């Protein structure tokens, strides 16, 4: 059984993902305080899955990006789920505030 720690919600904003060698633009499609689901734009093979990803999360209501280190936990088609392993408490709070903004716009949170 999977344990959920916090609320998560659908979203859509740009994220720069880097594996240490290459950086590329992807879209965030789901977000929580503990992780993020990214649409990679194409199907990924298991060989392409890095151990860690450096993420620059660009929320629409913020000027500076949130920086996080994340590890992939699963992928399905074009989407890949990541769990944050290094993110500041302030940035985690900013993500929670973003979920509040999304919820006020009418998106249901899980």
N, C-alpha and C. Protein backbone atom coordinates (compact mmCIF):
# COMPACT_ATOMS: atom_id res chain seq x y z
N UNK A 1 0.84 -1.18 0.00
CA UNK A 1 0.00 0.00 0.00
C UNK A 1 0.89 1.24 0.00
N UNK A 2 0.55 2.18 -0.84
CA UNK A 2 1.32 3.43 -0.95
C UNK A 2 0.83 4.42 0.09
N UNK A 3 1.76 5.09 0.74
CA UNK A 3 1.44 6.07 1.77
C UNK A 3 1.61 7.46 1.21
N UNK A 4 0.62 8.30 1.35
CA UNK A 4 0.67 9.68 0.89
C UNK A 4 0.97 10.58 2.08
N UNK A 5 1.92 11.49 1.89
CA UNK A 5 2.32 12.39 2.97
C UNK A 5 1.58 13.72 2.89
N UNK A 6 1.38 14.25 1.71
CA UNK A 6 0.75 15.56 1.57
C UNK A 6 -0.18 15.61 0.39
N UNK A 7 -0.79 16.76 0.21
CA UNK A 7 -1.69 16.96 -0.92
C UNK A 7 -0.91 17.06 -2.21
N UNK A 8 -1.55 16.64 -3.29
CA UNK A 8 -0.95 16.80 -4.61
C UNK A 8 -2.03 17.29 -5.56
N UNK A 9 -1.60 17.99 -6.59
CA UNK A 9 -2.56 18.55 -7.53
C UNK A 9 -2.00 18.65 -8.92
N UNK A 10 -2.90 18.71 -9.89
CA UNK A 10 -2.54 18.89 -11.30
C UNK A 10 -2.04 20.32 -11.49
N UNK A 11 -1.07 20.47 -12.37
CA UNK A 11 -0.50 21.78 -12.62
C UNK A 11 0.13 21.78 -14.01
N UNK A 12 0.66 22.90 -14.44
CA UNK A 12 1.31 22.99 -15.74
C UNK A 12 2.26 24.17 -15.74
N UNK A 13 3.55 23.89 -15.67
CA UNK A 13 4.57 24.94 -15.74
C UNK A 13 5.89 24.32 -16.19
N UNK A 14 6.84 25.17 -16.54
CA UNK A 14 8.13 24.72 -17.08
C UNK A 14 9.08 24.29 -15.97
N UNK A 15 9.86 23.27 -16.28
CA UNK A 15 10.92 22.78 -15.39
C UNK A 15 12.13 22.49 -16.26
N UNK A 16 13.31 22.91 -15.78
CA UNK A 16 14.55 22.53 -16.45
C UNK A 16 15.13 21.35 -15.68
N UNK A 17 15.31 20.24 -16.38
CA UNK A 17 15.83 19.02 -15.76
C UNK A 17 17.22 18.75 -16.31
N UNK A 18 18.15 18.46 -15.41
CA UNK A 18 19.53 18.20 -15.80
C UNK A 18 20.02 16.94 -15.10
N UNK A 19 20.68 16.07 -15.86
CA UNK A 19 21.24 14.85 -15.27
C UNK A 19 22.74 14.98 -14.99
N UNK A 20 23.26 16.18 -15.10
CA UNK A 20 24.68 16.41 -14.89
C UNK A 20 25.44 16.61 -16.19
N UNK A 21 24.89 16.08 -17.28
CA UNK A 21 25.52 16.22 -18.59
C UNK A 21 24.66 17.05 -19.54
N UNK A 22 23.37 16.76 -19.54
CA UNK A 22 22.44 17.43 -20.45
C UNK A 22 21.30 18.05 -19.66
N UNK A 23 20.85 19.20 -20.13
CA UNK A 23 19.68 19.86 -19.54
C UNK A 23 18.61 19.98 -20.62
N UNK A 24 17.36 19.79 -20.23
CA UNK A 24 16.27 19.93 -21.19
C UNK A 24 15.03 20.46 -20.49
N UNK A 25 14.17 21.10 -21.27
CA UNK A 25 12.93 21.66 -20.77
C UNK A 25 11.85 20.58 -20.78
N UNK A 26 11.13 20.47 -19.68
CA UNK A 26 10.00 19.55 -19.56
C UNK A 26 8.85 20.31 -18.92
N UNK A 27 7.69 19.68 -18.81
CA UNK A 27 6.51 20.29 -18.20
C UNK A 27 6.14 19.53 -16.94
N UNK A 28 5.86 20.26 -15.87
CA UNK A 28 5.34 19.65 -14.65
C UNK A 28 3.84 19.47 -14.84
N UNK A 29 3.32 18.27 -14.56
CA UNK A 29 1.90 18.00 -14.72
C UNK A 29 1.21 17.69 -13.40
N UNK A 30 2.00 17.33 -12.39
CA UNK A 30 1.45 17.07 -11.06
C UNK A 30 2.51 17.42 -10.03
N UNK A 31 2.07 17.93 -8.87
CA UNK A 31 3.00 18.44 -7.88
C UNK A 31 2.50 18.16 -6.48
N UNK A 32 3.45 17.88 -5.58
CA UNK A 32 3.15 17.80 -4.16
C UNK A 32 4.36 18.36 -3.42
N UNK A 33 4.29 18.41 -2.11
CA UNK A 33 5.42 18.89 -1.33
C UNK A 33 6.58 17.90 -1.29
N UNK A 34 6.32 16.66 -1.69
CA UNK A 34 7.34 15.62 -1.63
C UNK A 34 7.84 15.17 -2.99
N UNK A 35 7.16 15.57 -4.08
CA UNK A 35 7.59 15.12 -5.39
C UNK A 35 6.87 15.83 -6.52
N UNK A 36 7.20 15.40 -7.73
CA UNK A 36 6.69 16.04 -8.93
C UNK A 36 6.59 15.00 -10.05
N UNK A 37 5.61 15.17 -10.92
CA UNK A 37 5.48 14.34 -12.12
C UNK A 37 5.76 15.23 -13.32
N UNK A 38 6.71 14.79 -14.15
CA UNK A 38 7.12 15.57 -15.31
C UNK A 38 6.72 14.87 -16.60
N UNK A 39 6.25 15.66 -17.56
CA UNK A 39 5.98 15.16 -18.91
C UNK A 39 7.25 15.40 -19.71
N UNK A 40 7.90 14.32 -20.10
CA UNK A 40 9.19 14.42 -20.78
C UNK A 40 9.06 14.75 -22.27
N UNK A 41 7.84 14.68 -22.81
CA UNK A 41 7.64 14.99 -24.22
C UNK A 41 7.80 13.79 -25.14
N UNK A 42 8.29 12.67 -24.62
CA UNK A 42 8.45 11.44 -25.40
C UNK A 42 8.55 10.27 -24.43
N UNK A 43 8.31 9.07 -24.93
CA UNK A 43 8.45 7.89 -24.10
C UNK A 43 9.92 7.68 -23.75
N UNK A 44 10.16 7.26 -22.52
CA UNK A 44 11.53 7.03 -22.06
C UNK A 44 11.79 5.54 -21.90
N UNK A 45 12.99 5.12 -22.27
CA UNK A 45 13.38 3.73 -22.04
C UNK A 45 14.02 3.63 -20.66
N UNK A 46 14.02 2.44 -20.05
CA UNK A 46 14.63 2.29 -18.72
C UNK A 46 16.11 2.68 -18.69
N UNK A 47 16.80 2.54 -19.81
CA UNK A 47 18.23 2.90 -19.86
C UNK A 47 18.44 4.41 -19.74
N UNK A 48 17.42 5.19 -20.06
CA UNK A 48 17.54 6.65 -20.02
C UNK A 48 17.23 7.22 -18.64
N UNK A 49 16.86 6.40 -17.70
CA UNK A 49 16.48 6.88 -16.37
C UNK A 49 17.74 7.14 -15.54
N UNK A 50 17.99 8.39 -15.17
CA UNK A 50 19.17 8.71 -14.36
C UNK A 50 18.96 8.37 -12.89
N UNK A 51 20.03 8.31 -12.13
CA UNK A 51 19.91 8.08 -10.69
C UNK A 51 19.31 9.29 -9.99
N UNK A 52 19.75 10.48 -10.40
CA UNK A 52 19.28 11.72 -9.81
C UNK A 52 19.08 12.76 -10.91
N UNK A 53 18.20 13.72 -10.63
CA UNK A 53 17.99 14.83 -11.55
C UNK A 53 18.04 16.13 -10.76
N UNK A 54 18.71 17.11 -11.31
CA UNK A 54 18.73 18.46 -10.76
C UNK A 54 17.59 19.20 -11.45
N UNK A 55 16.64 19.71 -10.67
CA UNK A 55 15.45 20.36 -11.23
C UNK A 55 15.43 21.85 -10.88
N UNK A 56 15.11 22.68 -11.86
CA UNK A 56 14.83 24.09 -11.66
C UNK A 56 13.35 24.27 -11.97
N UNK A 57 12.57 24.43 -10.93
CA UNK A 57 11.11 24.49 -11.04
C UNK A 57 10.71 25.95 -11.15
N UNK A 58 10.05 26.31 -12.25
CA UNK A 58 9.67 27.70 -12.52
C UNK A 58 8.17 27.87 -12.35
N UNK A 59 7.77 28.21 -11.13
CA UNK A 59 6.36 28.44 -10.85
C UNK A 59 5.92 29.74 -11.50
N UNK A 60 4.70 29.79 -12.03
CA UNK A 60 4.25 31.00 -12.73
C UNK A 60 4.19 32.24 -11.84
N UNK A 61 3.92 32.07 -10.55
CA UNK A 61 3.77 33.24 -9.67
C UNK A 61 5.07 33.63 -8.97
N UNK A 62 6.19 32.99 -9.29
CA UNK A 62 7.47 33.29 -8.66
C UNK A 62 8.48 33.75 -9.70
N UNK A 63 9.38 34.64 -9.29
CA UNK A 63 10.43 35.12 -10.20
C UNK A 63 11.61 34.16 -10.27
N UNK A 64 12.06 33.71 -9.12
CA UNK A 64 13.23 32.83 -9.11
C UNK A 64 12.79 31.37 -9.12
N UNK A 65 13.56 30.51 -9.78
CA UNK A 65 13.19 29.10 -9.80
C UNK A 65 13.50 28.42 -8.46
N UNK A 66 12.76 27.40 -8.18
CA UNK A 66 13.02 26.54 -7.02
C UNK A 66 13.99 25.47 -7.49
N UNK A 67 15.04 25.25 -6.72
CA UNK A 67 16.05 24.26 -7.09
C UNK A 67 15.88 23.05 -6.18
N UNK A 68 15.87 21.87 -6.80
CA UNK A 68 15.70 20.64 -6.03
C UNK A 68 16.50 19.52 -6.67
N UNK A 69 16.91 18.58 -5.85
CA UNK A 69 17.52 17.35 -6.32
C UNK A 69 16.47 16.27 -6.13
N UNK A 70 16.23 15.46 -7.16
CA UNK A 70 15.16 14.48 -7.09
C UNK A 70 15.63 13.16 -7.69
N UNK A 71 14.97 12.09 -7.26
CA UNK A 71 15.27 10.78 -7.84
C UNK A 71 14.00 10.23 -8.47
N UNK A 72 14.13 9.55 -9.60
CA UNK A 72 12.95 8.99 -10.25
C UNK A 72 12.41 7.81 -9.44
N UNK A 73 11.09 7.73 -9.34
CA UNK A 73 10.47 6.61 -8.62
C UNK A 73 9.65 5.73 -9.55
N UNK A 74 9.13 6.27 -10.63
CA UNK A 74 8.42 5.47 -11.63
C UNK A 74 8.20 6.27 -12.89
N UNK A 75 7.97 5.57 -13.97
CA UNK A 75 7.64 6.24 -15.23
C UNK A 75 6.53 5.46 -15.92
N UNK A 76 5.75 6.19 -16.67
CA UNK A 76 4.65 5.59 -17.42
C UNK A 76 4.43 6.44 -18.66
N UNK A 77 4.76 5.86 -19.80
CA UNK A 77 4.65 6.59 -21.06
C UNK A 77 5.59 7.77 -21.10
N UNK A 78 5.03 8.94 -21.34
CA UNK A 78 5.82 10.18 -21.40
C UNK A 78 6.08 10.79 -20.04
N UNK A 79 5.39 10.32 -19.01
CA UNK A 79 5.48 10.94 -17.69
C UNK A 79 6.42 10.15 -16.77
N UNK A 80 7.12 10.91 -15.93
CA UNK A 80 8.05 10.32 -14.98
C UNK A 80 7.86 11.00 -13.63
N UNK A 81 7.70 10.20 -12.59
CA UNK A 81 7.50 10.72 -11.24
C UNK A 81 8.84 10.77 -10.50
N UNK A 82 9.05 11.87 -9.78
CA UNK A 82 10.27 12.07 -9.01
C UNK A 82 9.93 12.39 -7.56
N UNK A 83 10.77 11.92 -6.63
CA UNK A 83 10.66 12.27 -5.22
C UNK A 83 11.80 13.22 -4.90
N UNK A 84 11.47 14.33 -4.24
CA UNK A 84 12.51 15.28 -3.85
C UNK A 84 13.38 14.65 -2.77
N UNK A 85 14.70 14.73 -2.97
CA UNK A 85 15.61 14.24 -1.93
C UNK A 85 16.41 15.38 -1.30
N UNK A 86 16.46 16.51 -2.00
CA UNK A 86 17.11 17.69 -1.42
C UNK A 86 16.38 18.92 -1.93
N UNK A 87 15.71 19.59 -1.00
CA UNK A 87 14.98 20.82 -1.30
C UNK A 87 14.87 21.59 0.02
N UNK A 88 15.01 22.89 -0.03
CA UNK A 88 14.96 23.66 1.21
C UNK A 88 13.53 23.69 1.76
N UNK A 89 13.42 23.89 3.06
CA UNK A 89 12.10 23.97 3.70
C UNK A 89 11.30 25.15 3.16
N UNK A 90 11.99 26.25 2.88
CA UNK A 90 11.32 27.43 2.32
C UNK A 90 10.73 27.09 0.95
N UNK A 91 11.50 26.41 0.10
CA UNK A 91 11.01 26.04 -1.22
C UNK A 91 9.86 25.03 -1.14
N UNK A 92 9.92 24.13 -0.16
CA UNK A 92 8.82 23.18 0.03
C UNK A 92 7.54 23.93 0.42
N UNK A 93 7.68 24.98 1.23
CA UNK A 93 6.54 25.81 1.61
C UNK A 93 6.00 26.57 0.40
N UNK A 94 6.89 27.05 -0.47
CA UNK A 94 6.47 27.75 -1.68
C UNK A 94 5.66 26.79 -2.57
N UNK A 95 6.08 25.53 -2.66
CA UNK A 95 5.31 24.55 -3.43
C UNK A 95 3.92 24.35 -2.84
N UNK A 96 3.83 24.32 -1.51
CA UNK A 96 2.53 24.18 -0.85
C UNK A 96 1.65 25.39 -1.14
N UNK A 97 2.25 26.58 -1.15
CA UNK A 97 1.49 27.79 -1.49
C UNK A 97 1.00 27.74 -2.93
N UNK A 98 1.82 27.20 -3.83
CA UNK A 98 1.41 27.05 -5.22
C UNK A 98 0.20 26.12 -5.31
N UNK A 99 0.21 25.04 -4.54
CA UNK A 99 -0.95 24.13 -4.53
C UNK A 99 -2.20 24.84 -4.03
N UNK A 100 -2.05 25.74 -3.05
CA UNK A 100 -3.19 26.54 -2.58
C UNK A 100 -3.73 27.42 -3.71
N UNK A 101 -2.84 28.06 -4.47
CA UNK A 101 -3.24 28.91 -5.59
C UNK A 101 -3.99 28.08 -6.63
N UNK A 102 -3.46 26.91 -6.95
CA UNK A 102 -4.09 26.03 -7.92
C UNK A 102 -5.46 25.59 -7.42
N UNK A 103 -5.56 25.28 -6.15
CA UNK A 103 -6.84 24.85 -5.56
C UNK A 103 -7.87 25.97 -5.62
N UNK A 104 -7.44 27.21 -5.36
CA UNK A 104 -8.36 28.36 -5.44
C UNK A 104 -8.87 28.59 -6.86
N UNK A 105 -8.09 28.15 -7.85
CA UNK A 105 -8.52 28.28 -9.24
C UNK A 105 -9.48 27.17 -9.65
N UNK A 106 -9.76 26.25 -8.73
CA UNK A 106 -10.75 25.23 -9.01
C UNK A 106 -10.22 23.84 -9.30
N UNK A 107 -8.90 23.63 -9.22
CA UNK A 107 -8.35 22.30 -9.44
C UNK A 107 -8.47 21.52 -8.16
N UNK A 108 -9.01 20.30 -8.26
CA UNK A 108 -9.19 19.47 -7.07
C UNK A 108 -7.87 18.85 -6.66
N UNK A 109 -7.58 18.85 -5.37
CA UNK A 109 -6.37 18.27 -4.83
C UNK A 109 -6.65 16.85 -4.34
N UNK A 110 -5.67 15.98 -4.49
CA UNK A 110 -5.80 14.60 -4.00
C UNK A 110 -5.08 14.43 -2.69
